């Protein structure tokens, strides 16, 4: 379907242009044994819900192995999150179809949330809610990892200001590979202040997760092929948007809100319309800006981290 002829035109559909920058033994001591015992006890307590926590919303979140058609030919084996709503509005959970990214969670400040995370992967994992102000035990620290077939119950209240956050696995030394295999989703919060601004909503509020990937001749994901990539950061040769290469948007008349996450390991992106139409930045990963800022293009960088973690930058754009 062709877009209407107005401000949002066919030339805007391919709106992403990438700037190809980039680049022993431990003795067991009584104190370490005590810490390990405390950690095990804390984790076991989180395997079941707290009866005194009255959740407004409950979500079942699984980490699973799946196959997704990304490139022509054989489907690609990915690790992905799958979510379903157990209690609360169905609109809280948005699963993105035919992709390895997602889901998208949408909450309002003040809601109490319970999430049952079930690890169906062949290795340990845990979920970190990146940017959220939550109790330490619900933050997804590597010491709280759970094994295959185990469950971790998260319980917390949404206290953040309106903004776009994200969630990803956080096991020690395995964050990068697990995110690369597909484990990542967005966590969107709104509040009364934001809702009063009359920003685009519904189908005009679009999550955009940008990641680079490398595939072999059998469409399998390839990560960290050599020592140089381990030192300087991984750069894939295929750019995906919401898990799809050569992505485009068929837009109707109107203004759109793009919640853009750089979920790549090391790559920096330059975002622009190919006809030079300005972008209006309204928020970053910290929430709404004091005032909108109009730019010809926006750079989406990464944080300086080692390759086993996942750098990111978030940008909220109206166009």
Protein backbone atom coordinates (compact mmCIF):
# COMPACT_ATOMS: atom_id res chain seq x y z
CA UNK A 1 0.00 0.00 0.00
CA UNK A 2 1.42 3.38 -1.03
CA UNK A 3 1.68 6.13 1.59
CA UNK A 4 -0.34 9.31 1.26
CA UNK A 5 1.39 12.25 -0.42
CA UNK A 6 2.18 14.72 2.31
CA UNK A 7 4.97 15.31 4.79
CA UNK A 8 5.49 11.57 5.25
CA UNK A 9 6.40 10.38 1.73
CA UNK A 10 7.94 7.35 0.08
CA UNK A 11 11.40 8.90 0.45
CA UNK A 12 10.94 8.74 4.21
CA UNK A 13 10.34 5.03 4.36
CA UNK A 14 14.01 4.09 4.33
CA UNK A 15 14.99 6.48 7.10
CA UNK A 16 18.00 4.74 8.56
CA UNK A 17 21.50 5.33 7.25
CA UNK A 18 24.31 3.59 9.09
CA UNK A 19 27.67 5.25 9.68
CA UNK A 20 30.01 2.29 9.57
CA UNK A 21 32.21 3.36 12.44
CA UNK A 22 33.57 0.94 14.65
CA UNK A 23 35.61 -0.49 15.31
CA UNK A 24 42.36 -18.53 36.68
CA UNK A 25 41.62 -20.28 39.68
CA UNK A 26 39.87 -18.73 42.67
CA UNK A 27 40.31 -20.11 46.17
CA UNK A 28 37.10 -20.73 48.08
CA UNK A 29 37.07 -18.77 51.33
CA UNK A 30 34.49 -18.74 54.13
CA UNK A 31 33.33 -15.29 53.06
CA UNK A 32 32.77 -16.44 49.47
CA UNK A 33 30.94 -19.54 50.66
CA UNK A 34 28.71 -17.38 52.84
CA UNK A 35 27.96 -15.06 49.91
CA UNK A 36 27.14 -18.04 47.72
CA UNK A 37 24.77 -19.44 50.34
CA UNK A 38 23.03 -16.07 50.73
CA UNK A 39 22.67 -15.77 46.97
CA UNK A 40 21.17 -19.26 46.68
CA UNK A 41 18.71 -18.49 49.47
CA UNK A 42 17.69 -15.18 47.90
CA UNK A 43 17.21 -16.80 44.49
CA UNK A 44 15.12 -19.64 45.92
CA UNK A 45 12.80 -17.10 47.55
CA UNK A 46 12.22 -15.51 44.16
CA UNK A 47 10.99 -18.74 42.59
CA UNK A 48 7.47 -18.15 43.93
CA UNK A 49 5.31 -14.99 44.19
CA UNK A 50 5.17 -12.92 47.33
CA UNK A 51 1.58 -13.23 48.61
CA UNK A 52 1.81 -9.76 50.16
CA UNK A 53 2.60 -8.12 46.79
CA UNK A 54 -0.66 -7.11 45.10
CA UNK A 55 0.27 -6.93 41.41
CA UNK A 56 -1.77 -4.88 38.95
CA UNK A 57 -0.14 -6.68 36.03
CA UNK A 58 1.30 -10.18 35.71
CA UNK A 59 3.34 -11.38 32.71
CA UNK A 60 4.76 -14.74 31.70
CA UNK A 61 8.13 -14.21 30.00
CA UNK A 62 10.06 -17.11 28.47
CA UNK A 63 13.54 -17.25 26.96
CA UNK A 64 13.41 -19.91 24.25
CA UNK A 65 15.25 -21.26 21.22
CA UNK A 66 13.34 -20.69 17.99
CA UNK A 67 13.75 -20.51 14.22
CA UNK A 68 12.93 -17.32 12.31
CA UNK A 69 13.00 -16.53 8.58
CA UNK A 70 15.42 -13.60 8.36
CA UNK A 71 17.16 -14.15 5.00
CA UNK A 72 16.05 -16.10 1.91
CA UNK A 73 16.71 -19.80 2.27
CA UNK A 74 17.09 -21.61 5.56
CA UNK A 75 15.52 -20.12 8.71
CA UNK A 76 17.94 -18.86 11.36
CA UNK A 77 18.13 -20.38 14.83
CA UNK A 78 17.71 -17.58 17.39
CA UNK A 79 17.22 -17.12 21.11
CA UNK A 80 14.22 -14.94 21.82
CA UNK A 81 11.79 -13.76 24.47
CA UNK A 82 8.13 -14.74 24.25
CA UNK A 83 5.60 -13.07 26.53
CA UNK A 84 1.91 -13.40 27.41
CA UNK A 85 -0.29 -11.41 29.75
CA UNK A 86 -1.60 -13.26 32.80
CA UNK A 87 -3.32 -10.32 34.52
CA UNK A 88 -4.03 -6.79 33.35
CA UNK A 89 -4.70 -5.06 30.01
CA UNK A 90 -3.85 -7.09 26.91
CA UNK A 91 -2.19 -3.97 25.42
CA UNK A 92 0.57 -4.27 28.04
CA UNK A 93 2.36 -6.89 25.91
CA UNK A 94 3.12 -6.38 22.22
CA UNK A 95 4.82 -9.34 20.53
CA UNK A 96 6.56 -8.44 17.27
CA UNK A 97 5.71 -11.02 14.61
CA UNK A 98 8.25 -12.92 12.47
CA UNK A 99 11.28 -11.43 14.18
CA UNK A 100 13.82 -12.33 16.84
CA UNK A 101 13.44 -9.02 18.72
CA UNK A 102 10.83 -8.07 21.26
CA UNK A 103 8.43 -8.16 22.91
CA UNK A 104 7.46 -4.59 23.84
CA UNK A 105 6.06 -3.95 27.32
CA UNK A 106 3.95 -0.84 27.96
CA UNK A 107 3.32 0.33 31.52
CA UNK A 108 2.12 3.41 33.36
CA UNK A 109 3.92 4.94 36.30
CA UNK A 110 2.55 3.64 39.59
CA UNK A 111 1.56 0.18 38.36
CA UNK A 112 2.74 -2.85 40.34
CA UNK A 113 4.22 -5.54 38.12
CA UNK A 114 4.95 -9.24 38.57
CA UNK A 115 6.92 -11.04 35.85
CA UNK A 116 7.51 -14.79 35.81
CA UNK A 117 10.77 -15.29 33.92
CA UNK A 118 11.17 -18.89 32.74
CA UNK A 119 14.56 -19.92 31.37
CA UNK A 120 14.18 -22.51 28.60
CA UNK A 121 17.74 -22.02 27.31
CA UNK A 122 20.55 -24.59 27.59
CA UNK A 123 22.56 -22.25 29.84
CA UNK A 124 22.09 -19.87 32.75
CA UNK A 125 20.38 -16.52 32.21
CA UNK A 126 18.64 -13.69 34.03
CA UNK A 127 16.80 -10.53 32.89
CA UNK A 128 18.07 -7.00 33.57
CA UNK A 129 15.58 -4.11 33.27
CA UNK A 130 17.93 -1.49 31.86
CA UNK A 131 17.31 1.98 33.30
CA UNK A 132 14.52 1.08 35.74
CA UNK A 133 14.58 2.16 39.38
CA UNK A 134 13.67 -1.10 41.09
CA UNK A 135 14.71 -3.15 44.15
CA UNK A 136 18.19 -4.64 43.94
CA UNK A 137 16.91 -8.23 43.99
CA UNK A 138 14.76 -7.51 40.92
CA UNK A 139 17.53 -5.83 38.92
CA UNK A 140 18.85 -8.97 37.23
CA UNK A 141 22.34 -9.08 38.76
CA UNK A 142 24.49 -11.95 37.40
CA UNK A 143 24.56 -13.60 40.82
CA UNK A 144 20.82 -14.27 40.48
CA UNK A 145 21.11 -16.32 37.27
CA UNK A 146 18.85 -19.34 36.94
CA UNK A 147 19.47 -22.55 35.03
CA UNK A 148 17.49 -24.29 32.33
CA UNK A 149 13.95 -25.06 33.42
CA UNK A 150 14.02 -22.68 36.40
CA UNK A 151 11.83 -19.64 37.14
CA UNK A 152 12.63 -16.24 38.65
CA UNK A 153 9.78 -14.03 39.86
CA UNK A 154 10.23 -10.26 39.52
CA UNK A 155 8.03 -7.96 41.59
CA UNK A 156 8.35 -4.18 41.51
CA UNK A 157 6.45 -0.92 41.17
CA UNK A 158 6.92 1.37 38.16
CA UNK A 159 8.46 4.55 39.59
CA UNK A 160 10.39 5.82 36.53
CA UNK A 161 9.32 8.88 34.61
CA UNK A 162 7.87 8.36 31.16
CA UNK A 163 10.47 7.02 28.75
CA UNK A 164 11.72 4.16 26.59
CA UNK A 165 13.85 1.57 28.37
CA UNK A 166 14.84 -1.96 27.44
CA UNK A 167 15.49 -5.38 28.91
CA UNK A 168 18.11 -7.99 28.13
CA UNK A 169 19.92 -10.96 29.69
CA UNK A 170 22.70 -10.28 32.17
CA UNK A 171 24.65 -13.47 32.99
CA UNK A 172 28.33 -12.89 33.72
CA UNK A 173 30.41 -13.16 30.55
CA UNK A 174 27.44 -14.18 28.39
CA UNK A 175 25.42 -10.97 28.03
CA UNK A 176 26.83 -10.10 24.59
CA UNK A 177 26.29 -13.53 23.00
CA UNK A 178 22.80 -13.94 24.44
CA UNK A 179 21.68 -10.50 23.23
CA UNK A 180 23.31 -11.17 19.86
CA UNK A 181 21.30 -14.38 19.52
CA UNK A 182 18.12 -12.31 19.86
CA UNK A 183 17.29 -11.72 23.53
CA UNK A 184 16.19 -8.07 23.80
CA UNK A 185 12.95 -6.18 24.25
CA UNK A 186 11.63 -2.67 24.93
CA UNK A 187 10.08 -1.45 28.18
CA UNK A 188 7.94 1.65 27.59
CA UNK A 189 6.58 3.76 30.45
CA UNK A 190 4.06 6.58 30.25
CA UNK A 191 2.65 8.97 32.85
CA UNK A 192 0.14 11.80 33.08
CA UNK A 193 2.72 14.42 32.11
CA UNK A 194 3.55 12.66 28.85
CA UNK A 195 -0.07 11.85 28.00
CA UNK A 196 -0.95 15.55 28.30
CA UNK A 197 1.49 16.35 25.45
CA UNK A 198 -0.70 14.73 22.76
CA UNK A 199 2.20 12.79 21.21
CA UNK A 200 1.61 10.17 18.49
CA UNK A 201 0.17 6.92 19.85
CA UNK A 202 -1.03 3.54 18.62
CA UNK A 203 0.23 2.63 15.16
CA UNK A 204 2.00 5.99 14.98
CA UNK A 205 4.19 5.12 17.99
CA UNK A 206 6.80 2.78 16.48
CA UNK A 207 9.57 0.86 18.30
CA UNK A 208 12.77 0.65 16.25
CA UNK A 209 15.56 -1.69 17.40
CA UNK A 210 18.71 -1.39 15.24
CA UNK A 211 21.28 -4.19 15.36
CA UNK A 212 24.07 -5.48 13.12
CA UNK A 213 24.47 -9.19 12.44
CA UNK A 214 26.69 -11.54 10.44
CA UNK A 215 25.29 -14.70 8.84
CA UNK A 216 27.18 -17.64 7.34
CA UNK A 217 26.26 -19.48 4.13
CA UNK A 218 23.58 -21.45 6.00
CA UNK A 219 22.01 -18.31 7.53
CA UNK A 220 23.44 -19.08 10.97
CA UNK A 221 24.39 -16.20 13.25
CA UNK A 222 28.15 -15.68 13.60
CA UNK A 223 29.60 -13.75 16.56
CA UNK A 224 33.15 -12.73 17.58
CA UNK A 225 35.15 -14.45 14.86
CA UNK A 226 38.60 -13.33 15.96
CA UNK A 227 40.64 -11.75 18.76
CA UNK A 228 40.45 -8.26 17.22
CA UNK A 229 36.66 -8.27 17.51
CA UNK A 230 36.96 -9.33 21.14
CA UNK A 231 39.22 -6.35 21.82
CA UNK A 232 37.54 -3.62 19.76
CA UNK A 233 33.95 -4.78 19.57
CA UNK A 234 31.86 -6.80 17.14
CA UNK A 235 30.72 -5.32 13.82
CA UNK A 236 28.22 -7.28 11.75
CA UNK A 237 27.92 -6.96 7.98
CA UNK A 238 24.09 -6.85 7.89
CA UNK A 239 22.01 -4.10 9.50
CA UNK A 240 18.64 -5.22 10.85
CA UNK A 241 15.72 -3.12 12.08
CA UNK A 242 13.35 -4.99 14.39
CA UNK A 243 15.12 -8.17 13.29
CA UNK A 244 14.71 -7.59 9.56
CA UNK A 245 17.37 -6.60 6.97
CA UNK A 246 16.53 -3.88 4.42
CA UNK A 247 13.62 -2.80 6.59
CA UNK A 248 11.18 -0.13 5.43
CA UNK A 249 7.99 1.47 6.72
CA UNK A 250 4.85 2.06 4.68
CA UNK A 251 3.48 5.18 6.30
CA UNK A 252 0.18 7.01 6.06
CA UNK A 253 -0.37 10.73 6.41
CA UNK A 254 0.56 12.13 9.81
CA UNK A 255 3.29 12.48 12.38
CA UNK A 256 5.12 9.45 13.81
CA UNK A 257 7.00 8.78 17.00
CA UNK A 258 10.04 6.53 16.60
CA UNK A 259 11.52 4.99 19.75
CA UNK A 260 14.98 4.03 18.51
CA UNK A 261 17.36 1.69 20.34
CA UNK A 262 20.92 1.02 19.22
CA UNK A 263 21.15 -2.61 20.30
CA UNK A 264 24.43 -3.27 18.48
CA UNK A 265 27.65 -4.22 20.20
CA UNK A 266 29.94 -1.51 18.80
CA UNK A 267 28.43 0.15 15.74
CA UNK A 268 27.49 3.85 15.61
CA UNK A 269 24.52 4.92 13.49
CA UNK A 270 23.59 8.13 11.71
CA UNK A 271 19.81 8.51 11.48
CA UNK A 272 18.36 10.74 8.78
CA UNK A 273 15.67 11.00 6.15
CA UNK A 274 17.19 10.57 2.71
CA UNK A 275 15.65 13.84 1.46
CA UNK A 276 17.09 15.92 4.30
CA UNK A 277 13.81 16.50 6.17
CA UNK A 278 14.67 17.36 9.80
CA UNK A 279 14.11 15.02 12.73
CA UNK A 280 12.71 16.27 16.04
CA UNK A 281 14.25 14.67 19.13
CA UNK A 282 11.87 14.71 22.09
CA UNK A 283 13.56 12.31 24.54
CA UNK A 284 16.62 10.20 25.27
CA UNK A 285 17.13 7.11 27.42
CA UNK A 286 16.57 9.35 30.45
CA UNK A 287 13.08 10.41 29.39
CA UNK A 288 11.57 13.53 27.84
CA UNK A 289 13.80 16.50 27.05
CA UNK A 290 12.99 19.90 28.51
CA UNK A 291 12.12 21.02 24.96
CA UNK A 292 12.15 19.39 21.50
CA UNK A 293 15.37 19.68 19.47
CA UNK A 294 15.31 19.68 15.66
CA UNK A 295 18.26 18.13 13.79
CA UNK A 296 19.14 17.24 10.19
CA UNK A 297 20.45 13.93 11.53
CA UNK A 298 20.96 12.18 14.87
CA UNK A 299 23.98 10.11 15.87
CA UNK A 300 23.20 6.97 17.83
CA UNK A 301 26.36 5.86 19.59
CA UNK A 302 27.41 3.20 22.06
CA UNK A 303 28.80 3.20 25.55
CA UNK A 304 32.44 2.29 26.12
CA UNK A 305 32.18 -1.26 27.38
CA UNK A 306 33.88 -4.58 26.84
CA UNK A 307 32.43 -6.91 24.23
CA UNK A 308 30.74 -9.25 26.67
CA UNK A 309 28.27 -6.51 27.55
CA UNK A 310 25.81 -4.83 25.24
CA UNK A 311 26.28 -1.10 24.63
CA UNK A 312 23.24 0.94 23.76
CA UNK A 313 21.88 4.40 23.12
CA UNK A 314 18.20 5.30 23.08
CA UNK A 315 16.64 8.15 21.12
CA UNK A 316 12.99 9.23 20.92
CA UNK A 317 12.15 11.00 17.65
CA UNK A 318 9.06 12.64 16.15
CA UNK A 319 9.02 12.86 12.38
